Every structure is written in structure tokens, then in C-alpha cells.
Amino acid sequence: MTDAPGDEPTSVEELLSKRLRWDDAKALSGETLELFPLDSGPDRIPLTVVEVTARASSDAMLQFSILLRGPADPVLAQRTYRFRHARLGDYAFFVTAVARSAAGTDYEACFSHAP
């Protein structure tokens, strides 16, 4: 599924064409992804996958979402970020902050693509 080490796309634009498959996504529950802020701030922010949810899909369109929890601060702006998973490699996800509590800030990434 992933490219050989060192063959990963180098820009967010290149990563946008890399699809996260449903089988890979549902196996992420409880695992950590590293988010790379594109502007300033820490080099990497760890986010934990809290939940992976299948959404209404059809034969022509697969839909699912991933709920991620990060630290309470900083609250990240809604946008596309580079993510890295130890086994799956790098991806670009558009995330939106959906909740904030003492446990941290929750973000949602939604996916829709052909199966």
C-alpha cells in the first residue's frame, strides 16, 4: 500500500492524490498519527485516532470519517495538514476542530472516494 521508504511524496499537493483505504483507516483506531504543521510551531503534533466511522456509502462512493484527539493547545486551524503513520506512511488530510475538553482538542477528517 505504501511506497518504499524514501519514495514518499514530498509535498502536501502530491500527498492529496494518495488515498487512505477503508481497510487501513479502520485499523487505525487507538493508534497515533503525527501531524506536521505547515507554518510555524512544533515540528510534529501527536494525534490519537479516537474513532473511525463508516458513513453512508454506495457502490460508486465510499465514505468514512476519522476522529482524532490532540493536545488542548494549540487549536489547529481548519485546513489540510500532512500526517504520518509509522506503518502507512504520509498522507494529507483536511481536518476541522469539532470539540475541545480537558482531554484535548478533537478533530474530524472526512473521506469520500470511489472504492
N, C-alpha and C. Protein backbone atom coordinates (compact mmCIF):
# COMPACT_ATOMS: atom_id res chain seq x y z
N MET A 1 0.82 -1.19 0.00
CA MET A 1 0.00 0.00 0.00
C MET A 1 0.85 1.24 0.00
N THR A 2 1.93 1.27 0.77
CA THR A 2 2.74 2.48 0.81
C THR A 2 3.92 2.34 -0.12
N ASP A 3 4.49 3.46 -0.47
CA ASP A 3 5.68 3.46 -1.29
C ASP A 3 6.86 2.99 -0.44
N ALA A 4 7.94 2.62 -1.09
CA ALA A 4 9.15 2.23 -0.37
C ALA A 4 9.68 3.42 0.41
N PRO A 5 10.34 3.19 1.56
CA PRO A 5 10.91 4.30 2.30
C PRO A 5 11.77 5.17 1.39
N GLY A 6 11.59 6.47 1.56
CA GLY A 6 12.34 7.40 0.72
C GLY A 6 11.61 7.75 -0.56
N ASP A 7 10.54 7.00 -0.89
CA ASP A 7 9.77 7.27 -2.10
C ASP A 7 8.48 8.03 -1.79
N GLU A 8 8.30 8.45 -0.54
CA GLU A 8 7.09 9.18 -0.16
C GLU A 8 7.01 10.49 -0.92
N PRO A 9 5.80 10.91 -1.30
CA PRO A 9 5.66 12.24 -1.92
C PRO A 9 6.20 13.30 -0.97
N THR A 10 6.68 14.38 -1.52
CA THR A 10 7.35 15.38 -0.69
C THR A 10 6.50 16.60 -0.38
N SER A 11 5.40 16.82 -1.06
CA SER A 11 4.58 17.99 -0.79
C SER A 11 3.15 17.58 -0.47
N VAL A 12 2.42 18.48 0.21
CA VAL A 12 1.02 18.22 0.52
C VAL A 12 0.24 18.02 -0.77
N GLU A 13 0.56 18.79 -1.80
CA GLU A 13 -0.14 18.65 -3.08
C GLU A 13 0.02 17.23 -3.63
N GLU A 14 1.21 16.67 -3.55
CA GLU A 14 1.43 15.30 -4.01
C GLU A 14 0.70 14.30 -3.12
N LEU A 15 0.66 14.57 -1.83
CA LEU A 15 0.01 13.66 -0.90
C LEU A 15 -1.51 13.63 -1.08
N LEU A 16 -2.09 14.70 -1.60
CA LEU A 16 -3.54 14.75 -1.79
C LEU A 16 -4.04 13.65 -2.72
N SER A 17 -3.19 13.19 -3.61
CA SER A 17 -3.61 12.14 -4.54
C SER A 17 -3.49 10.74 -3.92
N LYS A 18 -2.91 10.63 -2.75
CA LYS A 18 -2.74 9.35 -2.08
C LYS A 18 -3.98 9.07 -1.23
N ARG A 19 -4.72 8.01 -1.56
CA ARG A 19 -5.96 7.69 -0.87
C ARG A 19 -5.73 6.79 0.33
N LEU A 20 -6.42 7.10 1.41
CA LEU A 20 -6.46 6.22 2.56
C LEU A 20 -7.60 5.23 2.34
N ARG A 21 -7.27 3.96 2.30
CA ARG A 21 -8.29 2.93 2.09
C ARG A 21 -9.05 2.66 3.39
N TRP A 22 -10.31 2.25 3.25
CA TRP A 22 -11.15 1.95 4.40
C TRP A 22 -10.52 0.88 5.28
N ASP A 23 -10.00 -0.19 4.70
CA ASP A 23 -9.38 -1.25 5.50
C ASP A 23 -8.22 -0.72 6.33
N ASP A 24 -7.43 0.18 5.77
CA ASP A 24 -6.32 0.77 6.52
C ASP A 24 -6.85 1.74 7.59
N ALA A 25 -7.87 2.51 7.25
CA ALA A 25 -8.41 3.50 8.17
C ALA A 25 -8.99 2.83 9.42
N LYS A 26 -9.79 1.78 9.23
CA LYS A 26 -10.44 1.17 10.40
C LYS A 26 -9.43 0.49 11.33
N ALA A 27 -8.26 0.15 10.83
CA ALA A 27 -7.22 -0.44 11.67
C ALA A 27 -6.47 0.62 12.49
N LEU A 28 -6.73 1.90 12.25
CA LEU A 28 -6.02 2.97 12.95
C LEU A 28 -6.54 3.29 14.34
N SER A 29 -7.72 2.80 14.70
CA SER A 29 -8.32 3.13 15.99
C SER A 29 -7.35 2.87 17.14
N GLY A 30 -7.14 3.90 17.96
CA GLY A 30 -6.24 3.81 19.10
C GLY A 30 -4.78 4.11 18.77
N GLU A 31 -4.44 4.24 17.51
CA GLU A 31 -3.06 4.49 17.11
C GLU A 31 -2.76 5.99 17.04
N THR A 32 -1.49 6.31 16.92
CA THR A 32 -1.05 7.71 16.87
C THR A 32 -0.62 8.09 15.47
N LEU A 33 -1.06 9.26 15.05
CA LEU A 33 -0.60 9.88 13.81
C LEU A 33 0.17 11.14 14.20
N GLU A 34 1.20 11.46 13.46
CA GLU A 34 1.92 12.71 13.67
C GLU A 34 1.44 13.73 12.66
N LEU A 35 1.07 14.90 13.13
CA LEU A 35 0.65 15.99 12.26
C LEU A 35 1.82 16.95 12.12
N PHE A 36 2.09 17.38 10.91
CA PHE A 36 3.15 18.34 10.63
C PHE A 36 2.52 19.68 10.29
N PRO A 37 2.59 20.65 11.22
CA PRO A 37 2.06 21.98 10.89
C PRO A 37 2.85 22.55 9.71
N LEU A 38 2.17 23.18 8.81
CA LEU A 38 2.83 23.68 7.61
C LEU A 38 3.43 25.06 7.80
N ASP A 39 2.99 25.77 8.83
CA ASP A 39 3.50 27.11 9.06
C ASP A 39 4.53 27.07 10.19
N SER A 40 4.22 27.71 11.29
CA SER A 40 5.16 27.73 12.41
C SER A 40 4.66 26.80 13.51
N GLY A 41 5.42 26.70 14.57
CA GLY A 41 5.02 25.87 15.70
C GLY A 41 5.88 24.63 15.78
N PRO A 42 5.45 23.69 16.61
CA PRO A 42 6.24 22.48 16.79
C PRO A 42 6.37 21.70 15.49
N ASP A 43 7.44 20.94 15.40
CA ASP A 43 7.67 20.17 14.17
C ASP A 43 6.62 19.11 13.96
N ARG A 44 6.17 18.46 15.03
CA ARG A 44 5.18 17.39 14.94
C ARG A 44 4.25 17.46 16.14
N ILE A 45 2.98 17.20 15.89
CA ILE A 45 2.00 17.16 16.96
C ILE A 45 1.35 15.78 16.93
N PRO A 46 1.44 15.00 18.02
CA PRO A 46 0.83 13.68 18.01
C PRO A 46 -0.68 13.78 18.19
N LEU A 47 -1.41 13.04 17.36
CA LEU A 47 -2.87 12.94 17.47
C LEU A 47 -3.23 11.47 17.57
N THR A 48 -4.13 11.15 18.49
CA THR A 48 -4.59 9.78 18.67
C THR A 48 -5.89 9.57 17.91
N VAL A 49 -5.99 8.47 17.20
CA VAL A 49 -7.23 8.13 16.50
C VAL A 49 -8.21 7.59 17.54
N VAL A 50 -9.27 8.36 17.78
CA VAL A 50 -10.27 8.02 18.79
C VAL A 50 -11.33 7.10 18.20
N GLU A 51 -11.71 7.36 16.95
CA GLU A 51 -12.81 6.62 16.34
C GLU A 51 -12.70 6.67 14.83
N VAL A 52 -13.04 5.57 14.18
CA VAL A 52 -13.14 5.51 12.73
C VAL A 52 -14.55 5.03 12.42
N THR A 53 -15.29 5.82 11.65
CA THR A 53 -16.71 5.55 11.43
C THR A 53 -17.03 5.45 9.95
N ALA A 54 -17.71 4.36 9.57
CA ALA A 54 -18.22 4.23 8.20
C ALA A 54 -19.42 5.16 8.06
N ARG A 55 -19.54 5.82 6.94
CA ARG A 55 -20.66 6.71 6.64
C ARG A 55 -21.48 6.09 5.51
N ALA A 56 -22.62 6.68 5.22
CA ALA A 56 -23.46 6.18 4.14
C ALA A 56 -22.64 6.11 2.86
N SER A 57 -22.56 4.93 2.27
CA SER A 57 -21.77 4.71 1.06
C SER A 57 -22.62 4.00 0.02
N SER A 58 -22.10 3.94 -1.19
CA SER A 58 -22.77 3.23 -2.28
C SER A 58 -21.71 2.46 -3.05
N ASP A 59 -22.14 1.76 -4.09
CA ASP A 59 -21.17 1.05 -4.93
C ASP A 59 -20.21 2.02 -5.61
N ALA A 60 -20.65 3.26 -5.81
CA ALA A 60 -19.84 4.24 -6.52
C ALA A 60 -19.05 5.17 -5.60
N MET A 61 -19.42 5.22 -4.31
CA MET A 61 -18.78 6.18 -3.41
C MET A 61 -18.61 5.58 -2.02
N LEU A 62 -17.39 5.57 -1.54
CA LEU A 62 -17.05 5.10 -0.20
C LEU A 62 -16.86 6.32 0.69
N GLN A 63 -17.50 6.33 1.88
CA GLN A 63 -17.39 7.46 2.78
C GLN A 63 -17.11 6.98 4.20
N PHE A 64 -16.18 7.67 4.87
CA PHE A 64 -15.89 7.37 6.27
C PHE A 64 -15.26 8.60 6.90
N SER A 65 -15.18 8.59 8.23
CA SER A 65 -14.55 9.71 8.95
C SER A 65 -13.64 9.17 10.04
N ILE A 66 -12.69 10.00 10.42
CA ILE A 66 -11.75 9.67 11.48
C ILE A 66 -11.80 10.80 12.50
N LEU A 67 -11.99 10.44 13.77
CA LEU A 67 -11.95 11.40 14.86
C LEU A 67 -10.59 11.27 15.53
N LEU A 68 -9.88 12.39 15.61
CA LEU A 68 -8.53 12.42 16.17
C LEU A 68 -8.51 13.33 17.39
N ARG A 69 -7.71 12.97 18.40
CA ARG A 69 -7.58 13.83 19.57
C ARG A 69 -6.13 14.28 19.72
N GLY A 70 -5.98 15.59 19.84
CA GLY A 70 -4.66 16.17 20.04
C GLY A 70 -4.61 16.93 21.34
N PRO A 71 -3.50 17.59 21.61
CA PRO A 71 -3.40 18.38 22.84
C PRO A 71 -4.41 19.52 22.83
N ALA A 72 -4.72 20.02 24.03
CA ALA A 72 -5.68 21.13 24.14
C ALA A 72 -5.18 22.37 23.42
N ASP A 73 -3.88 22.60 23.47
CA ASP A 73 -3.27 23.74 22.80
C ASP A 73 -2.08 23.26 22.00
N PRO A 74 -1.84 23.78 20.84
CA PRO A 74 -2.64 24.80 20.16
C PRO A 74 -3.85 24.16 19.48
N VAL A 75 -4.91 24.96 19.30
CA VAL A 75 -6.04 24.51 18.49
C VAL A 75 -5.67 24.82 17.05
N LEU A 76 -5.67 23.80 16.23
CA LEU A 76 -5.24 23.94 14.85
C LEU A 76 -6.35 24.51 13.97
N ALA A 77 -5.98 25.33 13.03
CA ALA A 77 -6.94 25.89 12.08
C ALA A 77 -7.48 24.79 11.16
N GLN A 78 -8.68 24.99 10.68
CA GLN A 78 -9.29 24.08 9.71
C GLN A 78 -8.53 24.19 8.41
N ARG A 79 -7.91 23.10 7.97
CA ARG A 79 -7.15 23.10 6.73
C ARG A 79 -6.56 21.73 6.47
N THR A 80 -5.79 21.63 5.42
CA THR A 80 -5.13 20.38 5.06
C THR A 80 -3.74 20.34 5.68
N TYR A 81 -3.46 19.24 6.36
CA TYR A 81 -2.17 19.03 7.02
C TYR A 81 -1.55 17.72 6.54
N ARG A 82 -0.26 17.65 6.67
CA ARG A 82 0.47 16.41 6.41
C ARG A 82 0.44 15.56 7.68
N PHE A 83 0.11 14.28 7.52
CA PHE A 83 0.08 13.33 8.62
C PHE A 83 1.05 12.18 8.30
N ARG A 84 1.58 11.58 9.36
CA ARG A 84 2.45 10.41 9.18
C ARG A 84 2.03 9.32 10.16
N HIS A 85 1.94 8.11 9.62
CA HIS A 85 1.69 6.92 10.43
C HIS A 85 2.88 5.99 10.25
N ALA A 86 3.32 5.36 11.32
CA ALA A 86 4.54 4.54 11.28
C ALA A 86 4.47 3.45 10.23
N ARG A 87 3.31 2.83 10.04
CA ARG A 87 3.19 1.73 9.08
C ARG A 87 2.70 2.19 7.70
N LEU A 88 1.77 3.13 7.67
CA LEU A 88 1.13 3.52 6.41
C LEU A 88 1.85 4.65 5.67
N GLY A 89 2.71 5.38 6.38
CA GLY A 89 3.43 6.47 5.72
C GLY A 89 2.70 7.79 5.82
N ASP A 90 2.95 8.67 4.86
CA ASP A 90 2.44 10.04 4.88
C ASP A 90 1.17 10.18 4.04
N TYR A 91 0.28 11.03 4.55
CA TYR A 91 -0.97 11.38 3.87
C TYR A 91 -1.24 12.85 4.12
N ALA A 92 -2.15 13.43 3.36
CA ALA A 92 -2.64 14.78 3.61
C ALA A 92 -4.14 14.67 3.89
N PHE A 93 -4.57 15.19 5.04
CA PHE A 93 -5.98 15.17 5.44
C PHE A 93 -6.43 16.59 5.72
N PHE A 94 -7.67 16.89 5.32
CA PHE A 94 -8.32 18.14 5.71
C PHE A 94 -9.01 17.87 7.03
N VAL A 95 -8.68 18.64 8.07
CA VAL A 95 -9.27 18.42 9.39
C VAL A 95 -9.95 19.68 9.89
N THR A 96 -10.95 19.45 10.73
CA THR A 96 -11.72 20.52 11.36
C THR A 96 -11.80 20.22 12.85
N ALA A 97 -11.54 21.21 13.68
CA ALA A 97 -11.74 21.05 15.12
C ALA A 97 -13.23 20.92 15.38
N VAL A 98 -13.62 19.89 16.13
CA VAL A 98 -15.05 19.65 16.38
C VAL A 98 -15.41 19.70 17.86
N ALA A 99 -14.41 19.61 18.76
CA ALA A 99 -14.69 19.67 20.20
C ALA A 99 -13.40 19.98 20.95
N ARG A 100 -13.59 20.55 22.14
CA ARG A 100 -12.43 20.84 22.99
C ARG A 100 -12.84 20.55 24.43
N SER A 101 -11.97 19.83 25.15
CA SER A 101 -12.24 19.49 26.55
C SER A 101 -10.91 19.42 27.29
N ALA A 102 -10.98 19.05 28.57
CA ALA A 102 -9.76 18.90 29.35
C ALA A 102 -8.88 17.80 28.76
N ALA A 103 -9.48 16.83 28.07
CA ALA A 103 -8.74 15.72 27.46
C ALA A 103 -7.96 16.16 26.22
N GLY A 104 -8.37 17.27 25.61
CA GLY A 104 -7.68 17.76 24.42
C GLY A 104 -8.65 18.31 23.40
N THR A 105 -8.14 18.55 22.20
CA THR A 105 -8.95 19.05 21.10
C THR A 105 -9.20 17.91 20.12
N ASP A 106 -10.48 17.74 19.75
CA ASP A 106 -10.85 16.70 18.79
C ASP A 106 -10.98 17.31 17.40
N TYR A 107 -10.50 16.56 16.42
CA TYR A 107 -10.55 16.97 15.02
C TYR A 107 -11.21 15.86 14.21
N GLU A 108 -11.90 16.24 13.16
CA GLU A 108 -12.52 15.25 12.27
C GLU A 108 -11.95 15.40 10.87
N ALA A 109 -11.66 14.27 10.27
CA ALA A 109 -11.27 14.20 8.86
C ALA A 109 -12.30 13.32 8.17
N CYS A 110 -12.90 13.81 7.08
CA CYS A 110 -13.92 13.07 6.34
C CYS A 110 -13.37 12.67 4.99
N PHE A 111 -13.74 11.47 4.55
CA PHE A 111 -13.22 10.92 3.30
C PHE A 111 -14.37 10.46 2.42
N SER A 112 -14.29 10.78 1.14
CA SER A 112 -15.25 10.33 0.13
C SER A 112 -14.47 10.05 -1.13
N HIS A 113 -14.52 8.81 -1.59
CA HIS A 113 -13.84 8.48 -2.85
C HIS A 113 -14.39 7.18 -3.42
N ALA A 114 -14.08 6.95 -4.65
CA ALA A 114 -14.51 5.71 -5.30
C ALA A 114 -13.82 4.53 -4.62
N PRO A 115 -14.55 3.42 -4.46
CA PRO A 115 -13.94 2.25 -3.80
C PRO A 115 -12.77 1.68 -4.57
